[in-house]
């Protein structure tokens, strides 16, 4: 039986929500092994001069505990 754990990670990007999600996964992968899935819990954006200037994601990352 596998034991899974979930952590919550916040990340941002000036390009897109997808890029912010990839950054969250890259950062988590540096210290967490056996990542199984990533769930985008929330997306938001910051606005400057009437245009989006930043993308933010709140993700949940599931990994297997050894």
PDB file of N, CA and C in Angstrom:
ATOM      1  N   UNK A   1       0.838  -1.174   0.000  1.00  0.00           N
ATOM      2  CA  UNK A   1       0.000   0.000   0.000  1.00  0.00           C
ATOM      3  C   UNK A   1       0.885   1.240   0.000  1.00  0.00           C
ATOM      4  N   UNK A   2       0.592   2.174  -0.871  1.00  0.00           N
ATOM      5  CA  UNK A   2       1.356   3.416  -0.964  1.00  0.00           C
ATOM      6  C   UNK A   2       0.775   4.465  -0.027  1.00  0.00           C
ATOM      7  N   UNK A   3       1.667   5.238   0.567  1.00  0.00           N
ATOM      8  CA  UNK A   3       1.257   6.368   1.386  1.00  0.00           C
ATOM      9  C   UNK A   3       1.569   7.629   0.596  1.00  0.00           C
ATOM     10  N   UNK A   4       0.553   8.462   0.387  1.00  0.00           N
ATOM     11  CA  UNK A   4       0.711   9.679  -0.392  1.00  0.00           C
ATOM     12  C   UNK A   4       0.557  10.898   0.506  1.00  0.00           C
ATOM     13  N   UNK A   5       1.279  11.951   0.146  1.00  0.00           N
ATOM     14  CA  UNK A   5       1.203  13.204   0.885  1.00  0.00           C
ATOM     15  C   UNK A   5       0.946  14.325  -0.102  1.00  0.00           C
ATOM     16  N   UNK A   6       0.250  15.367   0.344  1.00  0.00           N
ATOM     17  CA  UNK A   6      -0.062  16.512  -0.510  1.00  0.00           C
ATOM     18  C   UNK A   6       0.537  17.768   0.113  1.00  0.00           C
ATOM     19  N   UNK A   7       1.224  18.558  -0.710  1.00  0.00           N
ATOM     20  CA  UNK A   7       1.724  19.864  -0.276  1.00  0.00           C
ATOM     21  C   UNK A   7       1.104  20.933  -1.165  1.00  0.00           C
ATOM     22  N   UNK A   8       1.011  22.126  -0.646  1.00  0.00           N
ATOM     23  CA  UNK A   8       0.464  23.246  -1.401  1.00  0.00           C
ATOM     24  C   UNK A   8       1.607  24.189  -1.755  1.00  0.00           C
ATOM     25  N   UNK A   9       1.658  24.593  -3.021  1.00  0.00           N
ATOM     26  CA  UNK A   9       2.739  25.446  -3.507  1.00  0.00           C
ATOM     27  C   UNK A   9       2.134  26.624  -4.265  1.00  0.00           C
ATOM     28  N   UNK A  10       2.671  27.811  -4.033  1.00  0.00           N
ATOM     29  CA  UNK A  10       2.263  29.008  -4.750  1.00  0.00           C
ATOM     30  C   UNK A  10       3.404  29.411  -5.692  1.00  0.00           C
ATOM     31  N   UNK A  11       3.053  29.804  -6.905  1.00  0.00           N
ATOM     32  CA  UNK A  11       4.084  30.218  -7.870  1.00  0.00           C
ATOM     33  C   UNK A  11       3.525  31.310  -8.770  1.00  0.00           C
ATOM     34  N   UNK A  12       4.436  32.063  -9.386  1.00  0.00           N
ATOM     35  CA  UNK A  12       4.000  33.102 -10.312  1.00  0.00           C
ATOM     36  C   UNK A  12       4.894  33.143 -11.544  1.00  0.00           C
ATOM     37  N   UNK A  13       4.389  33.803 -12.579  1.00  0.00           N
ATOM     38  CA  UNK A  13       5.113  33.927 -13.841  1.00  0.00           C
ATOM     39  C   UNK A  13       4.646  35.188 -14.553  1.00  0.00           C
ATOM     40  N   UNK A  14       5.513  35.752 -15.336  1.00  0.00           N
ATOM     41  CA  UNK A  14       5.108  36.897 -16.158  1.00  0.00           C
ATOM     42  C   UNK A  14       4.600  36.439 -17.523  1.00  0.00           C
ATOM     43  N   UNK A  15       4.689  35.128 -17.810  1.00  0.00           N
ATOM     44  CA  UNK A  15       4.304  34.595 -19.132  1.00  0.00           C
ATOM     45  C   UNK A  15       2.886  34.032 -19.169  1.00  0.00           C
ATOM     46  N   UNK A  16       2.590  33.047 -18.276  1.00  0.00           N
ATOM     47  CA  UNK A  16       1.296  32.357 -18.348  1.00  0.00           C
ATOM     48  C   UNK A  16       1.061  31.544 -17.082  1.00  0.00           C
ATOM     49  N   UNK A  17      -0.198  31.071 -16.937  1.00  0.00           N
ATOM     50  CA  UNK A  17      -0.510  30.183 -15.824  1.00  0.00           C
ATOM     51  C   UNK A  17       0.219  28.857 -15.997  1.00  0.00           C
ATOM     52  N   UNK A  18       0.344  28.406 -17.232  1.00  0.00           N
ATOM     53  CA  UNK A  18       1.059  27.149 -17.480  1.00  0.00           C
ATOM     54  C   UNK A  18       2.520  27.261 -17.049  1.00  0.00           C
ATOM     55  N   UNK A  19       3.144  28.382 -17.360  1.00  0.00           N
ATOM     56  CA  UNK A  19       4.538  28.589 -16.953  1.00  0.00           C
ATOM     57  C   UNK A  19       4.649  28.648 -15.430  1.00  0.00           C
ATOM     58  N   UNK A  20       3.704  29.291 -14.774  1.00  0.00           N
ATOM     59  CA  UNK A  20       3.715  29.347 -13.310  1.00  0.00           C
ATOM     60  C   UNK A  20       3.562  27.947 -12.713  1.00  0.00           C
ATOM     61  N   UNK A  21       2.707  27.125 -13.330  1.00  0.00           N
ATOM     62  CA  UNK A  21       2.527  25.747 -12.873  1.00  0.00           C
ATOM     63  C   UNK A  21       3.817  24.948 -13.032  1.00  0.00           C
ATOM     64  N   UNK A  22       4.472  25.112 -14.174  1.00  0.00           N
ATOM     65  CA  UNK A  22       5.750  24.418 -14.403  1.00  0.00           C
ATOM     66  C   UNK A  22       6.806  24.862 -13.403  1.00  0.00           C
ATOM     67  N   UNK A  23       6.823  26.146 -13.073  1.00  0.00           N
ATOM     68  CA  UNK A  23       7.786  26.647 -12.087  1.00  0.00           C
ATOM     69  C   UNK A  23       7.529  26.048 -10.708  1.00  0.00           C
ATOM     70  N   UNK A  24       6.261  25.907 -10.344  1.00  0.00           N
ATOM     71  CA  UNK A  24       5.919  25.290  -9.048  1.00  0.00           C
ATOM     72  C   UNK A  24       6.413  23.849  -9.007  1.00  0.00           C
ATOM     73  N   UNK A  25       6.192  23.122 -10.087  1.00  0.00           N
ATOM     74  CA  UNK A  25       6.622  21.725 -10.155  1.00  0.00           C
ATOM     75  C   UNK A  25       8.144  21.611 -10.135  1.00  0.00           C
ATOM     76  N   UNK A  26       8.824  22.464 -10.885  1.00  0.00           N
ATOM     77  CA  UNK A  26      10.295  22.451 -10.904  1.00  0.00           C
ATOM     78  C   UNK A  26      10.861  22.711  -9.517  1.00  0.00           C
ATOM     79  N   UNK A  27      10.310  23.702  -8.834  1.00  0.00           N
ATOM     80  CA  UNK A  27      10.816  24.045  -7.508  1.00  0.00           C
ATOM     81  C   UNK A  27      10.562  22.916  -6.511  1.00  0.00           C
ATOM     82  N   UNK A  28       9.365  22.352  -6.542  1.00  0.00           N
ATOM     83  CA  UNK A  28       9.047  21.255  -5.619  1.00  0.00           C
ATOM     84  C   UNK A  28       9.923  20.045  -5.904  1.00  0.00           C
ATOM     85  N   UNK A  29      10.225  19.789  -7.172  1.00  0.00           N
ATOM     86  CA  UNK A  29      11.027  18.627  -7.559  1.00  0.00           C
ATOM     87  C   UNK A  29      12.451  18.682  -7.015  1.00  0.00           C
ATOM     88  N   UNK A  30      12.898  19.843  -6.633  1.00  0.00           N
ATOM     89  CA  UNK A  30      14.258  19.973  -6.084  1.00  0.00           C
ATOM     90  C   UNK A  30      14.388  19.302  -4.724  1.00  0.00           C
ATOM     91  N   UNK A  31      13.306  19.264  -3.962  1.00  0.00           N
ATOM     92  CA  UNK A  31      13.393  18.667  -2.628  1.00  0.00           C
ATOM     93  C   UNK A  31      12.410  17.523  -2.402  1.00  0.00           C
ATOM     94  N   UNK A  32      11.441  17.351  -3.284  1.00  0.00           N
ATOM     95  CA  UNK A  32      10.439  16.300  -3.121  1.00  0.00           C
ATOM     96  C   UNK A  32      10.606  15.273  -4.242  1.00  0.00           C
ATOM     97  N   UNK A  33      10.671  14.022  -3.874  1.00  0.00           N
ATOM     98  CA  UNK A  33      10.807  12.933  -4.852  1.00  0.00           C
ATOM     99  C   UNK A  33       9.493  12.187  -4.996  1.00  0.00           C
ATOM    100  N   UNK A  34       9.381  11.392  -6.036  1.00  0.00           N
ATOM    101  CA  UNK A  34       8.209  10.540  -6.281  1.00  0.00           C
ATOM    102  C   UNK A  34       6.910  11.319  -6.454  1.00  0.00           C
ATOM    103  N   UNK A  35       6.987  12.465  -7.155  1.00  0.00           N
ATOM    104  CA  UNK A  35       5.777  13.260  -7.409  1.00  0.00           C
ATOM    105  C   UNK A  35       4.880  12.484  -8.361  1.00  0.00           C
ATOM    106  N   UNK A  36       3.601  12.389  -7.998  1.00  0.00           N
ATOM    107  CA  UNK A  36       2.629  11.621  -8.770  1.00  0.00           C
ATOM    108  C   UNK A  36       1.692  12.505  -9.584  1.00  0.00           C
ATOM    109  N   UNK A  37       1.299  13.666  -9.012  1.00  0.00           N
ATOM    110  CA  UNK A  37       0.340  14.517  -9.720  1.00  0.00           C
ATOM    111  C   UNK A  37       0.416  15.955  -9.218  1.00  0.00           C
ATOM    112  N   UNK A  38      -0.157  16.839 -10.030  1.00  0.00           N
ATOM    113  CA  UNK A  38      -0.259  18.247  -9.654  1.00  0.00           C
ATOM    114  C   UNK A  38      -1.670  18.705  -9.988  1.00  0.00           C
ATOM    115  N   UNK A  39      -2.296  19.370  -9.032  1.00  0.00           N
ATOM    116  CA  UNK A  39      -3.676  19.831  -9.176  1.00  0.00           C
ATOM    117  C   UNK A  39      -3.677  21.349  -9.056  1.00  0.00           C
ATOM    118  N   UNK A  40      -4.196  22.024 -10.062  1.00  0.00           N
ATOM    119  CA  UNK A  40      -4.276  23.482 -10.017  1.00  0.00           C
ATOM    120  C   UNK A  40      -5.508  23.844  -9.208  1.00  0.00           C
ATOM    121  N   UNK A  41      -5.258  24.359  -8.022  1.00  0.00           N
ATOM    122  CA  UNK A  41      -6.322  24.682  -7.087  1.00  0.00           C
ATOM    123  C   UNK A  41      -6.934  26.048  -7.386  1.00  0.00           C
ATOM    124  N   UNK A  42      -6.103  27.002  -7.768  1.00  0.00           N
ATOM    125  CA  UNK A  42      -6.575  28.365  -7.975  1.00  0.00           C
ATOM    126  C   UNK A  42      -5.652  29.094  -8.938  1.00  0.00           C
ATOM    127  N   UNK A  43      -6.231  29.960  -9.755  1.00  0.00           N
ATOM    128  CA  UNK A  43      -5.463  30.810 -10.660  1.00  0.00           C
ATOM    129  C   UNK A  43      -5.877  32.255 -10.423  1.00  0.00           C
ATOM    130  N   UNK A  44      -4.904  33.165 -10.517  1.00  0.00           N
ATOM    131  CA  UNK A  44      -5.210  34.581 -10.419  1.00  0.00           C
ATOM    132  C   UNK A  44      -4.171  35.341 -11.234  1.00  0.00           C
ATOM    133  N   UNK A  45      -4.425  36.619 -11.412  1.00  0.00           N
ATOM    134  CA  UNK A  45      -3.499  37.442 -12.192  1.00  0.00           C
ATOM    135  C   UNK A  45      -3.416  38.832 -11.568  1.00  0.00           C
ATOM    136  N   UNK A  46      -2.278  39.474 -11.777  1.00  0.00           N
ATOM    137  CA  UNK A  46      -2.121  40.862 -11.366  1.00  0.00           C
ATOM    138  C   UNK A  46      -2.233  41.730 -12.615  1.00  0.00           C
ATOM    139  N   UNK A  47      -2.741  42.935 -12.435  1.00  0.00           N
ATOM    140  CA  UNK A  47      -2.988  43.841 -13.560  1.00  0.00           C
ATOM    141  C   UNK A  47      -2.242  45.149 -13.349  1.00  0.00           C
ATOM    142  N   UNK A  48      -1.640  45.634 -14.434  1.00  0.00           N
ATOM    143  CA  UNK A  48      -0.953  46.918 -14.411  1.00  0.00           C
ATOM    144  C   UNK A  48      -1.303  47.668 -15.691  1.00  0.00           C
ATOM    145  N   UNK A  49      -1.746  48.884 -15.569  1.00  0.00           N
ATOM    146  CA  UNK A  49      -2.124  49.716 -16.710  1.00  0.00           C
ATOM    147  C   UNK A  49      -3.141  49.023 -17.616  1.00  0.00           C
ATOM    148  N   UNK A  50      -4.092  48.334 -17.017  1.00  0.00           N
ATOM    149  CA  UNK A  50      -5.153  47.688 -17.774  1.00  0.00           C
ATOM    150  C   UNK A  50      -4.771  46.401 -18.476  1.00  0.00           C
ATOM    151  N   UNK A  51      -3.572  45.886 -18.192  1.00  0.00           N
ATOM    152  CA  UNK A  51      -3.126  44.640 -18.815  1.00  0.00           C
ATOM    153  C   UNK A  51      -2.588  43.685 -17.756  1.00  0.00           C
ATOM    154  N   UNK A  52      -2.704  42.401 -18.034  1.00  0.00           N
ATOM    155  CA  UNK A  52      -2.168  41.396 -17.110  1.00  0.00           C
ATOM    156  C   UNK A  52      -0.641  41.470 -17.131  1.00  0.00           C
ATOM    157  N   UNK A  53      -0.053  41.606 -15.951  1.00  0.00           N
ATOM    158  CA  UNK A  53       1.414  41.639 -15.885  1.00  0.00           C
ATOM    159  C   UNK A  53       1.992  40.487 -15.064  1.00  0.00           C
ATOM    160  N   UNK A  54       1.123  39.656 -14.489  1.00  0.00           N
ATOM    161  CA  UNK A  54       1.618  38.509 -13.748  1.00  0.00           C
ATOM    162  C   UNK A  54       0.543  37.460 -13.573  1.00  0.00           C
ATOM    163  N   UNK A  55       0.947  36.211 -13.648  1.00  0.00           N
ATOM    164  CA  UNK A  55       0.046  35.066 -13.501  1.00  0.00           C
ATOM    165  C   UNK A  55       0.439  34.314 -12.235  1.00  0.00           C
ATOM    166  N   UNK A  56      -0.566  33.936 -11.437  1.00  0.00           N
ATOM    167  CA  UNK A  56      -0.307  33.234 -10.184  1.00  0.00           C
ATOM    168  C   UNK A  56      -1.112  31.945 -10.138  1.00  0.00           C
ATOM    169  N   UNK A  57      -0.503  30.914  -9.566  1.00  0.00           N
ATOM    170  CA  UNK A  57      -1.213  29.649  -9.353  1.00  0.00           C
ATOM    171  C   UNK A  57      -0.992  29.173  -7.929  1.00  0.00           C
ATOM    172  N   UNK A  58      -1.990  28.507  -7.436  1.00  0.00           N
ATOM    173  CA  UNK A  58      -1.934  27.809  -6.159  1.00  0.00           C
ATOM    174  C   UNK A  58      -2.167  26.350  -6.524  1.00  0.00           C
ATOM    175  N   UNK A  59      -1.151  25.502  -6.361  1.00  0.00           N
ATOM    176  CA  UNK A  59      -1.263  24.108  -6.780  1.00  0.00           C
ATOM    177  C   UNK A  59      -1.090  23.170  -5.590  1.00  0.00           C
ATOM    178  N   UNK A  60      -1.648  21.976  -5.753  1.00  0.00           N
ATOM    179  CA  UNK A  60      -1.451  20.904  -4.784  1.00  0.00           C
ATOM    180  C   UNK A  60      -0.666  19.813  -5.480  1.00  0.00           C
ATOM    181  N   UNK A  61       0.441  19.431  -4.872  1.00  0.00           N
ATOM    182  CA  UNK A  61       1.333  18.426  -5.441  1.00  0.00           C
ATOM    183  C   UNK A  61       1.274  17.180  -4.570  1.00  0.00           C
ATOM    184  N   UNK A  62       0.981  16.049  -5.211  1.00  0.00           N
ATOM    185  CA  UNK A  62       0.885  14.772  -4.507  1.00  0.00           C
ATOM    186  C   UNK A  62       2.123  13.936  -4.786  1.00  0.00           C
ATOM    187  N   UNK A  63       2.698  13.375  -3.730  1.00  0.00           N
ATOM    188  CA  UNK A  63       3.873  12.525  -3.896  1.00  0.00           C
ATOM    189  C   UNK A  63       3.789  11.326  -2.956  1.00  0.00           C
ATOM    190  N   UNK A  64       4.507  10.283  -3.340  1.00  0.00           N
ATOM    191  CA  UNK A  64       4.536   9.063  -2.535  1.00  0.00           C
ATOM    192  C   UNK A  64       5.620   9.163  -1.469  1.00  0.00           C
ATOM    193  N   UNK A  65       5.241   8.812  -0.256  1.00  0.00           N
ATOM    194  CA  UNK A  65       6.181   8.797   0.854  1.00  0.00           C
ATOM    195  C   UNK A  65       6.848   7.432   0.899  1.00  0.00           C
ATOM    196  N   UNK A  66       8.167   7.412   0.973  1.00  0.00           N
ATOM    197  CA  UNK A  66       8.918   6.147   1.002  1.00  0.00           C
ATOM    198  C   UNK A  66       9.060   5.633   2.415  1.00  0.00           C
TER     199      UNK A  66
END
